[in-house]
Amino acid sequence: AGGVQKPIQNVFYPATARRIVLALNTFVRSDSLTTNIIEIYSPYPCHYNIGNYTVRADSTCSYLPAGITKLISVGNFKYISAKGKSVADTLYITEMH
């Protein structure tokens, strides 16, 4: 259908940024999220899980490789839980609007 196609830009923009300090032996849960799209990043590998207030993460949950940024739709869930895979470090969470 003719015309110049332009890329979609500014669909999401970063809003609230937070972080949780990861532990090796137990999961850590975020504060309540205020949006249903988040971006997560960790310098070291970790496992994470999305859910309600009681959500837990362990080694069977979704895996985030080191240094990878991932955009996630959390739907109606408002918490992310994470656990370090090999070292205790930080999971950075950016809520997108």
PDB file of N, CA and C in Angstrom:
ATOM      1  N   ALA A   1       0.829  -1.174   0.000  1.00  0.00           N
ATOM      2  CA  ALA A   1       0.000   0.000   0.000  1.00  0.00           C
ATOM      3  C   ALA A   1       0.864   1.223   0.000  1.00  0.00           C
ATOM      4  N   GLY A   2       1.717   1.606  -0.625  1.00  0.00           N
ATOM      5  CA  GLY A   2       2.487   2.814  -0.819  1.00  0.00           C
ATOM      6  C   GLY A   2       2.834   3.614   0.443  1.00  0.00           C
ATOM      7  N   GLY A   3       3.593   4.617   0.261  1.00  0.00           N
ATOM      8  CA  GLY A   3       3.981   5.479   1.370  1.00  0.00           C
ATOM      9  C   GLY A   3       5.259   5.021   2.035  1.00  0.00           C
ATOM     10  N   VAL A   4       5.801   5.892   2.837  1.00  0.00           N
ATOM     11  CA  VAL A   4       7.023   5.591   3.561  1.00  0.00           C
ATOM     12  C   VAL A   4       6.668   5.013   4.920  1.00  0.00           C
ATOM     13  N   GLN A   5       7.231   3.862   5.234  1.00  0.00           N
ATOM     14  CA  GLN A   5       6.988   3.255   6.534  1.00  0.00           C
ATOM     15  C   GLN A   5       7.982   3.816   7.539  1.00  0.00           C
ATOM     16  N   LYS A   6       7.485   4.162   8.700  1.00  0.00           N
ATOM     17  CA  LYS A   6       8.330   4.696   9.754  1.00  0.00           C
ATOM     18  C   LYS A   6       8.339   3.728  10.925  1.00  0.00           C
ATOM     19  N   PRO A   7       9.483   3.562  11.570  1.00  0.00           N
ATOM     20  CA  PRO A   7       9.519   2.660  12.730  1.00  0.00           C
ATOM     21  C   PRO A   7       8.691   3.229  13.884  1.00  0.00           C
ATOM     22  N   ILE A   8       8.126   2.329  14.670  1.00  0.00           N
ATOM     23  CA  ILE A   8       7.395   2.748  15.864  1.00  0.00           C
ATOM     24  C   ILE A   8       8.422   3.170  16.906  1.00  0.00           C
ATOM     25  N   GLN A   9       8.265   4.340  17.432  1.00  0.00           N
ATOM     26  CA  GLN A   9       9.184   4.843  18.446  1.00  0.00           C
ATOM     27  C   GLN A   9       8.398   5.305  19.660  1.00  0.00           C
ATOM     28  N   ASN A  10       9.065   5.297  20.780  1.00  0.00           N
ATOM     29  CA  ASN A  10       8.483   5.782  22.031  1.00  0.00           C
ATOM     30  C   ASN A  10       7.219   5.031  22.434  1.00  0.00           C
ATOM     31  N   VAL A  11       7.164   3.756  22.129  1.00  0.00           N
ATOM     32  CA  VAL A  11       6.024   2.952  22.542  1.00  0.00           C
ATOM     33  C   VAL A  11       6.047   2.799  24.059  1.00  0.00           C
ATOM     34  N   PHE A  12       7.206   2.498  24.609  1.00  0.00           N
ATOM     35  CA  PHE A  12       7.388   2.414  26.050  1.00  0.00           C
ATOM     36  C   PHE A  12       8.461   3.410  26.452  1.00  0.00           C
ATOM     37  N   TYR A  13       8.316   3.965  27.617  1.00  0.00           N
ATOM     38  CA  TYR A  13       9.387   4.795  28.143  1.00  0.00           C
ATOM     39  C   TYR A  13       9.612   4.427  29.600  1.00  0.00           C
ATOM     40  N   PRO A  14      10.847   4.485  30.050  1.00  0.00           N
ATOM     41  CA  PRO A  14      11.140   4.104  31.431  1.00  0.00           C
ATOM     42  C   PRO A  14      10.520   5.071  32.418  1.00  0.00           C
ATOM     43  N   ALA A  15      10.001   4.517  33.483  1.00  0.00           N
ATOM     44  CA  ALA A  15       9.403   5.340  34.535  1.00  0.00           C
ATOM     45  C   ALA A  15      10.138   5.037  35.840  1.00  0.00           C
ATOM     46  N   THR A  16       9.533   4.259  36.702  1.00  0.00           N
ATOM     47  CA  THR A  16      10.115   3.945  38.000  1.00  0.00           C
ATOM     48  C   THR A  16      11.236   2.928  37.854  1.00  0.00           C
ATOM     49  N   ALA A  17      12.391   3.217  38.414  1.00  0.00           N
ATOM     50  CA  ALA A  17      13.506   2.272  38.427  1.00  0.00           C
ATOM     51  C   ALA A  17      13.734   1.834  39.863  1.00  0.00           C
ATOM     52  N   ARG A  18      13.971   0.559  40.039  1.00  0.00           N
ATOM     53  CA  ARG A  18      14.244   0.024  41.377  1.00  0.00           C
ATOM     54  C   ARG A  18      15.225  -1.122  41.246  1.00  0.00           C
ATOM     55  N   ARG A  19      15.675  -1.614  42.362  1.00  0.00           N
ATOM     56  CA  ARG A  19      16.584  -2.759  42.335  1.00  0.00           C
ATOM     57  C   ARG A  19      16.333  -3.610  43.556  1.00  0.00           C
ATOM     58  N   ILE A  20      16.636  -4.883  43.414  1.00  0.00           N
ATOM     59  CA  ILE A  20      16.586  -5.777  44.565  1.00  0.00           C
ATOM     60  C   ILE A  20      17.924  -6.492  44.651  1.00  0.00           C
ATOM     61  N   VAL A  21      18.423  -6.618  45.859  1.00  0.00           N
ATOM     62  CA  VAL A  21      19.693  -7.297  46.092  1.00  0.00           C
ATOM     63  C   VAL A  21      19.410  -8.790  46.160  1.00  0.00           C
ATOM     64  N   LEU A  22      20.058  -9.543  45.280  1.00  0.00           N
ATOM     65  CA  LEU A  22      19.825 -10.983  45.180  1.00  0.00           C
ATOM     66  C   LEU A  22      20.638 -11.755  46.200  1.00  0.00           C
ATOM     67  N   ALA A  23      20.092 -12.850  46.638  1.00  0.00           N
ATOM     68  CA  ALA A  23      20.775 -13.760  47.560  1.00  0.00           C
ATOM     69  C   ALA A  23      20.930 -15.109  46.863  1.00  0.00           C
ATOM     70  N   LEU A  24      21.857 -15.929  47.319  1.00  0.00           N
ATOM     71  CA  LEU A  24      22.047 -17.262  46.736  1.00  0.00           C
ATOM     72  C   LEU A  24      21.142 -18.307  47.365  1.00  0.00           C
ATOM     73  N   ASN A  25      20.913 -18.206  48.638  1.00  0.00           N
ATOM     74  CA  ASN A  25      20.215 -19.266  49.355  1.00  0.00           C
ATOM     75  C   ASN A  25      18.723 -19.046  49.519  1.00  0.00           C
ATOM     76  N   THR A  26      18.225 -17.889  49.121  1.00  0.00           N
ATOM     77  CA  THR A  26      16.802 -17.620  49.276  1.00  0.00           C
ATOM     78  C   THR A  26      16.363 -16.617  48.216  1.00  0.00           C
ATOM     79  N   PHE A  27      15.077 -16.541  47.983  1.00  0.00           N
ATOM     80  CA  PHE A  27      14.541 -15.593  47.009  1.00  0.00           C
ATOM     81  C   PHE A  27      14.341 -14.224  47.660  1.00  0.00           C
ATOM     82  N   VAL A  28      14.271 -13.195  46.843  1.00  0.00           N
ATOM     83  CA  VAL A  28      13.972 -11.840  47.290  1.00  0.00           C
ATOM     84  C   VAL A  28      12.843 -11.325  46.414  1.00  0.00           C
ATOM     85  N   ARG A  29      11.856 -10.671  47.006  1.00  0.00           N
ATOM     86  CA  ARG A  29      10.694 -10.172  46.268  1.00  0.00           C
ATOM     87  C   ARG A  29      10.751  -8.650  46.171  1.00  0.00           C
ATOM     88  N   SER A  30      10.298  -8.127  45.045  1.00  0.00           N
ATOM     89  CA  SER A  30      10.244  -6.678  44.836  1.00  0.00           C
ATOM     90  C   SER A  30       9.084  -6.060  45.599  1.00  0.00           C
ATOM     91  N   ASP A  31       9.093  -4.752  45.672  1.00  0.00           N
ATOM     92  CA  ASP A  31       7.912  -4.024  46.111  1.00  0.00           C
ATOM     93  C   ASP A  31       6.863  -4.148  45.010  1.00  0.00           C
ATOM     94  N   SER A  32       5.653  -3.749  45.289  1.00  0.00           N
ATOM     95  CA  SER A  32       4.569  -3.851  44.321  1.00  0.00           C
ATOM     96  C   SER A  32       4.870  -3.017  43.071  1.00  0.00           C
ATOM     97  N   LEU A  33       4.690  -3.623  41.905  1.00  0.00           N
ATOM     98  CA  LEU A  33       4.902  -2.937  40.636  1.00  0.00           C
ATOM     99  C   LEU A  33       3.680  -2.086  40.317  1.00  0.00           C
ATOM    100  N   THR A  34       3.883  -0.996  39.598  1.00  0.00           N
ATOM    101  CA  THR A  34       2.772  -0.104  39.271  1.00  0.00           C
ATOM    102  C   THR A  34       2.381  -0.153  37.800  1.00  0.00           C
ATOM    103  N   THR A  35       3.022  -1.025  37.032  1.00  0.00           N
ATOM    104  CA  THR A  35       2.730  -1.149  35.610  1.00  0.00           C
ATOM    105  C   THR A  35       2.777  -2.623  35.229  1.00  0.00           C
ATOM    106  N   ASN A  36       2.317  -2.961  34.032  1.00  0.00           N
ATOM    107  CA  ASN A  36       2.350  -4.373  33.645  1.00  0.00           C
ATOM    108  C   ASN A  36       3.442  -4.702  32.630  1.00  0.00           C
ATOM    109  N   ILE A  37       4.301  -3.751  32.327  1.00  0.00           N
ATOM    110  CA  ILE A  37       5.474  -3.998  31.476  1.00  0.00           C
ATOM    111  C   ILE A  37       6.706  -3.568  32.258  1.00  0.00           C
ATOM    112  N   ILE A  38       7.667  -4.490  32.384  1.00  0.00           N
ATOM    113  CA  ILE A  38       8.907  -4.156  33.083  1.00  0.00           C
ATOM    114  C   ILE A  38      10.102  -4.595  32.245  1.00  0.00           C
ATOM    115  N   GLU A  39      11.222  -3.988  32.532  1.00  0.00           N
ATOM    116  CA  GLU A  39      12.497  -4.368  31.934  1.00  0.00           C
ATOM    117  C   GLU A  39      13.388  -4.807  33.086  1.00  0.00           C
ATOM    118  N   ILE A  40      14.030  -5.975  32.948  1.00  0.00           N
ATOM    119  CA  ILE A  40      14.920  -6.441  34.014  1.00  0.00           C
ATOM    120  C   ILE A  40      16.321  -6.654  33.467  1.00  0.00           C
ATOM    121  N   TYR A  41      17.296  -6.493  34.346  1.00  0.00           N
ATOM    122  CA  TYR A  41      18.708  -6.660  33.987  1.00  0.00           C
ATOM    123  C   TYR A  41      19.485  -7.052  35.237  1.00  0.00           C
ATOM    124  N   SER A  42      20.443  -7.950  35.075  1.00  0.00           N
ATOM    125  CA  SER A  42      21.376  -8.270  36.150  1.00  0.00           C
ATOM    126  C   SER A  42      22.750  -8.535  35.543  1.00  0.00           C
ATOM    127  N   PRO A  43      23.815  -8.034  36.173  1.00  0.00           N
ATOM    128  CA  PRO A  43      25.156  -8.297  35.663  1.00  0.00           C
ATOM    129  C   PRO A  43      25.557  -9.770  35.779  1.00  0.00           C
ATOM    130  N   TYR A  44      24.886 -10.504  36.666  1.00  0.00           N
ATOM    131  CA  TYR A  44      25.157 -11.933  36.850  1.00  0.00           C
ATOM    132  C   TYR A  44      23.883 -12.726  36.624  1.00  0.00           C
ATOM    133  N   PRO A  45      23.993 -14.003  36.267  1.00  0.00           N
ATOM    134  CA  PRO A  45      22.794 -14.796  35.991  1.00  0.00           C
ATOM    135  C   PRO A  45      21.920 -14.963  37.234  1.00  0.00           C
ATOM    136  N   CYS A  46      20.611 -15.034  36.994  1.00  0.00           N
ATOM    137  CA  CYS A  46      19.679 -15.251  38.096  1.00  0.00           C
ATOM    138  C   CYS A  46      18.418 -15.942  37.584  1.00  0.00           C
ATOM    139  N   HIS A  47      17.614 -16.417  38.505  1.00  0.00           N
ATOM    140  CA  HIS A  47      16.308 -16.992  38.203  1.00  0.00           C
ATOM    141  C   HIS A  47      15.261 -16.033  38.738  1.00  0.00           C
ATOM    142  N   TYR A  48      14.147 -15.904  38.010  1.00  0.00           N
ATOM    143  CA  TYR A  48      13.098 -14.990  38.453  1.00  0.00           C
ATOM    144  C   TYR A  48      11.723 -15.604  38.212  1.00  0.00           C
ATOM    145  N   ASN A  49      10.736 -15.054  38.896  1.00  0.00           N
ATOM    146  CA  ASN A  49       9.359 -15.501  38.761  1.00  0.00           C
ATOM    147  C   ASN A  49       8.455 -14.288  38.963  1.00  0.00           C
ATOM    148  N   ILE A  50       7.350 -14.244  38.240  1.00  0.00           N
ATOM    149  CA  ILE A  50       6.381 -13.164  38.326  1.00  0.00           C
ATOM    150  C   ILE A  50       5.130 -13.714  39.004  1.00  0.00           C
ATOM    151  N   GLY A  51       4.523 -12.948  39.901  1.00  0.00           N
ATOM    152  CA  GLY A  51       3.304 -13.447  40.540  1.00  0.00           C
ATOM    153  C   GLY A  51       2.693 -12.448  41.495  1.00  0.00           C
ATOM    154  N   ASN A  52       1.904 -12.978  42.421  1.00  0.00           N
ATOM    155  CA  ASN A  52       1.280 -12.130  43.432  1.00  0.00           C
ATOM    156  C   ASN A  52       2.235 -11.976  44.622  1.00  0.00           C
ATOM    157  N   TYR A  53       1.740 -11.455  45.724  1.00  0.00           N
ATOM    158  CA  TYR A  53       2.597 -11.150  46.876  1.00  0.00           C
ATOM    159  C   TYR A  53       3.373 -12.356  47.403  1.00  0.00           C
ATOM    160  N   THR A  54       2.851 -13.554  47.223  1.00  0.00           N
ATOM    161  CA  THR A  54       3.508 -14.757  47.751  1.00  0.00           C
ATOM    162  C   THR A  54       4.471 -15.409  46.753  1.00  0.00           C
ATOM    163  N   VAL A  55       4.747 -14.757  45.627  1.00  0.00           N
ATOM    164  CA  VAL A  55       5.603 -15.346  44.588  1.00  0.00           C
ATOM    165  C   VAL A  55       6.995 -15.673  45.135  1.00  0.00           C
ATOM    166  N   ARG A  56       7.514 -16.811  44.704  1.00  0.00           N
ATOM    167  CA  ARG A  56       8.861 -17.248  45.089  1.00  0.00           C
ATOM    168  C   ARG A  56       9.650 -17.606  43.828  1.00  0.00           C
ATOM    169  N   ALA A  57      10.944 -17.443  43.907  1.00  0.00           N
ATOM    170  CA  ALA A  57      11.820 -17.835  42.803  1.00  0.00           C
ATOM    171  C   ALA A  57      12.805 -18.884  43.303  1.00  0.00           C
ATOM    172  N   ASP A  58      13.072 -19.879  42.458  1.00  0.00           N
ATOM    173  CA  ASP A  58      14.093 -20.879  42.763  1.00  0.00           C
ATOM    174  C   ASP A  58      14.760 -21.286  41.456  1.00  0.00           C
ATOM    175  N   SER A  59      15.601 -22.284  41.495  1.00  0.00           N
ATOM    176  CA  SER A  59      16.394 -22.662  40.316  1.00  0.00           C
ATOM    177  C   SER A  59      15.557 -23.282  39.197  1.00  0.00           C
ATOM    178  N   THR A  60      14.272 -23.539  39.417  1.00  0.00           N
ATOM    179  CA  THR A  60      13.419 -24.081  38.351  1.00  0.00           C
ATOM    180  C   THR A  60      12.666 -22.973  37.614  1.00  0.00           C
ATOM    181  N   CYS A  61      12.778 -21.737  38.081  1.00  0.00           N
ATOM    182  CA  CYS A  61      12.046 -20.613  37.484  1.00  0.00           C
ATOM    183  C   CYS A  61      12.771 -20.061  36.261  1.00  0.00           C
ATOM    184  N   SER A  62      12.168 -19.089  35.608  1.00  0.00           N
ATOM    185  CA  SER A  62      12.743 -18.473  34.412  1.00  0.00           C
ATOM    186  C   SER A  62      14.165 -18.004  34.682  1.00  0.00           C
ATOM    187  N   TYR A  63      15.005 -18.128  33.662  1.00  0.00           N
ATOM    188  CA  TYR A  63      16.429 -17.828  33.783  1.00  0.00           C
ATOM    189  C   TYR A  63      16.755 -16.535  33.041  1.00  0.00           C
ATOM    190  N   LEU A  64      17.504 -15.656  33.692  1.00  0.00           N
ATOM    191  CA  LEU A  64      18.002 -14.442  33.059  1.00  0.00           C
ATOM    192  C   LEU A  64      19.520 -14.529  32.995  1.00  0.00           C
ATOM    193  N   PRO A  65      20.081 -14.671  31.785  1.00  0.00           N
ATOM    194  CA  PRO A  65      21.544 -14.741  31.660  1.00  0.00           C
ATOM    195  C   PRO A  65      22.211 -13.424  32.077  1.00  0.00           C
ATOM    196  N   ALA A  66      23.462 -13.500  32.411  1.00  0.00           N
ATOM    197  CA  ALA A  66      24.235 -12.324  32.815  1.00  0.00           C
ATOM    198  C   ALA A  66      24.272 -11.282  31.711  1.00  0.00           C
ATOM    199  N   GLY A  67      24.069 -10.033  32.096  1.00  0.00           N
ATOM    200  CA  GLY A  67      24.233  -8.925  31.168  1.00  0.00           C
ATOM    201  C   GLY A  67      23.151  -8.770  30.115  1.00  0.00           C
ATOM    202  N   ILE A  68      22.063  -9.504  30.218  1.00  0.00           N
ATOM    203  CA  ILE A  68      20.976  -9.434  29.239  1.00  0.00           C
ATOM    204  C   ILE A  68      19.839  -8.590  29.809  1.00  0.00           C
ATOM    205  N   THR A  69      19.305  -7.696  28.990  1.00  0.00           N
ATOM    206  CA  THR A  69      18.129  -6.922  29.365  1.00  0.00           C
ATOM    207  C   THR A  69      16.918  -7.585  28.746  1.00  0.00           C
ATOM    208  N   LYS A  70      15.878  -7.780  29.553  1.00  0.00           N
ATOM    209  CA  LYS A  70      14.681  -8.480  29.081  1.00  0.00           C
ATOM    210  C   LYS A  70      13.447  -7.641  29.377  1.00  0.00           C
ATOM    211  N   LEU A  71      12.590  -7.471  28.366  1.00  0.00           N
ATOM    212  CA  LEU A  71      11.330  -6.768  28.509  1.00  0.00           C
ATOM    213  C   LEU A  71      10.249  -7.813  28.769  1.00  0.00           C
ATOM    214  N   ILE A  72       9.462  -7.635  29.836  1.00  0.00           N
ATOM    215  CA  ILE A  72       8.504  -8.646  30.259  1.00  0.00           C
ATOM    216  C   ILE A  72       7.135  -8.020  30.496  1.00  0.00           C
ATOM    217  N   SER A  73       6.092  -8.699  30.031  1.00  0.00           N
ATOM    218  CA  SER A  73       4.726  -8.338  30.386  1.00  0.00           C
ATOM    219  C   SER A  73       4.355  -9.143  31.623  1.00  0.00           C
ATOM    220  N   VAL A  74       4.035  -8.471  32.705  1.00  0.00           N
ATOM    221  CA  VAL A  74       3.701  -9.168  33.943  1.00  0.00           C
ATOM    222  C   VAL A  74       2.191  -9.355  34.108  1.00  0.00           C
ATOM    223  N   GLY A  75       1.418  -8.880  33.145  1.00  0.00           N
ATOM    224  CA  GLY A  75      -0.030  -9.035  33.200  1.00  0.00           C
ATOM    225  C   GLY A  75      -0.611  -8.367  34.432  1.00  0.00           C
ATOM    226  N   ASN A  76      -1.474  -9.071  35.124  1.00  0.00           N
ATOM    227  CA  ASN A  76      -2.099  -8.522  36.335  1.00  0.00           C
ATOM    228  C   ASN A  76      -1.276  -8.767  37.589  1.00  0.00           C
ATOM    229  N   PHE A  77      -0.154  -9.479  37.449  1.00  0.00           N
ATOM    230  CA  PHE A  77       0.689  -9.731  38.615  1.00  0.00           C
ATOM    231  C   PHE A  77       1.464  -8.471  38.964  1.00  0.00           C
ATOM    232  N   LYS A  78       1.783  -8.289  40.216  1.00  0.00           N
ATOM    233  CA  LYS A  78       2.412  -7.044  40.667  1.00  0.00           C
ATOM    234  C   LYS A  78       3.738  -7.234  41.387  1.00  0.00           C
ATOM    235  N   TYR A  79       4.298  -8.448  41.355  1.00  0.00           N
ATOM    236  CA  TYR A  79       5.563  -8.690  42.054  1.00  0.00           C
ATOM    237  C   TYR A  79       6.494  -9.529  41.190  1.00  0.00           C
ATOM    238  N   ILE A  80       7.783  -9.304  41.364  1.00  0.00           N
ATOM    239  CA  ILE A  80       8.799 -10.160  40.774  1.00  0.00           C
ATOM    240  C   ILE A  80       9.680 -10.648  41.924  1.00  0.00           C
ATOM    241  N   SER A  81       9.993 -11.918  41.879  1.00  0.00           N
ATOM    242  CA  SER A  81      10.861 -12.529  42.874  1.00  0.00           C
ATOM    243  C   SER A  81      12.086 -13.051  42.132  1.00  0.00           C
ATOM    244  N   ALA A  82      13.251 -12.987  42.739  1.00  0.00           N
ATOM    245  CA  ALA A  82      14.471 -13.431  42.062  1.00  0.00           C
ATOM    246  C   ALA A  82      15.445 -14.045  43.062  1.00  0.00           C
ATOM    247  N   LYS A  83      16.344 -14.856  42.511  1.00  0.00           N
ATOM    248  CA  LYS A  83      17.368 -15.543  43.307  1.00  0.00           C
ATOM    249  C   LYS A  83      18.632 -15.619  42.472  1.00  0.00           C
ATOM    250  N   GLY A  84      19.775 -15.280  43.056  1.00  0.00           N
ATOM    251  CA  GLY A  84      21.044 -15.363  42.340  1.00  0.00           C
ATOM    252  C   GLY A  84      21.378 -16.796  41.954  1.00  0.00           C
ATOM    253  N   LYS A  85      22.004 -16.987  40.794  1.00  0.00           N
ATOM    254  CA  LYS A  85      22.365 -18.331  40.348  1.00  0.00           C
ATOM    255  C   LYS A  85      23.744 -18.742  40.845  1.00  0.00           C
ATOM    256  N   SER A  86      24.729 -17.861  40.729  1.00  0.00           N
ATOM    257  CA  SER A  86      26.087 -18.237  41.111  1.00  0.00           C
ATOM    258  C   SER A  86      26.711 -17.287  42.124  1.00  0.00           C
ATOM    259  N   VAL A  87      26.226 -16.058  42.151  1.00  0.00           N
ATOM    260  CA  VAL A  87      26.715 -15.073  43.124  1.00  0.00           C
ATOM    261  C   VAL A  87      25.542 -14.208  43.565  1.00  0.00           C
ATOM    262  N   ALA A  88      25.665 -13.622  44.724  1.00  0.00           N
ATOM    263  CA  ALA A  88      24.667 -12.654  45.164  1.00  0.00           C
ATOM    264  C   ALA A  88      24.969 -11.338  44.452  1.00  0.00           C
ATOM    265  N   ASP A  89      23.975 -10.723  43.852  1.00  0.00           N
ATOM    266  CA  ASP A  89      24.194  -9.475  43.133  1.00  0.00           C
ATOM    267  C   ASP A  89      22.905  -8.670  43.132  1.00  0.00           C
ATOM    268  N   THR A  90      22.658  -7.914  42.092  1.00  0.00           N
ATOM    269  CA  THR A  90      21.509  -7.026  42.030  1.00  0.00           C
ATOM    270  C   THR A  90      20.695  -7.284  40.771  1.00  0.00           C
ATOM    271  N   LEU A  91      19.368  -7.252  40.921  1.00  0.00           N
ATOM    272  CA  LEU A  91      18.459  -7.287  39.780  1.00  0.00           C
ATOM    273  C   LEU A  91      17.878  -5.884  39.650  1.00  0.00           C
ATOM    274  N   TYR A  92      18.061  -5.279  38.474  1.00  0.00           N
ATOM    275  CA  TYR A  92      17.540  -3.945  38.216  1.00  0.00           C
ATOM    276  C   TYR A  92      16.199  -4.083  37.510  1.00  0.00           C
ATOM    277  N   ILE A  93      15.209  -3.379  38.003  1.00  0.00           N
ATOM    278  CA  ILE A  93      13.853  -3.446  37.465  1.00  0.00           C
ATOM    279  C   ILE A  93      13.449  -2.045  37.037  1.00  0.00           C
ATOM    280  N   THR A  94      13.052  -1.900  35.789  1.00  0.00           N
ATOM    281  CA  THR A  94      12.552  -0.622  35.306  1.00  0.00           C
ATOM    282  C   THR A  94      11.110  -0.815  34.867  1.00  0.00           C
ATOM    283  N   GLU A  95      10.196  -0.057  35.463  1.00  0.00           N
ATOM    284  CA  GLU A  95       8.803  -0.115  35.051  1.00  0.00           C
ATOM    285  C   GLU A  95       8.638   0.755  33.812  1.00  0.00           C
ATOM    286  N   MET A  96       7.966   0.209  32.824  1.00  0.00           N
ATOM    287  CA  MET A  96       7.798   0.902  31.542  1.00  0.00           C
ATOM    288  C   MET A  96       6.362   1.405  31.400  1.00  0.00           C
ATOM    289  N   HIS A  97       6.229   2.609  30.871  1.00  0.00           N
ATOM    290  CA  HIS A  97       4.898   3.184  30.634  1.00  0.00           C
ATOM    291  C   HIS A  97       4.772   3.584  29.199  1.00  0.00           C
TER     292      HIS A  97
END
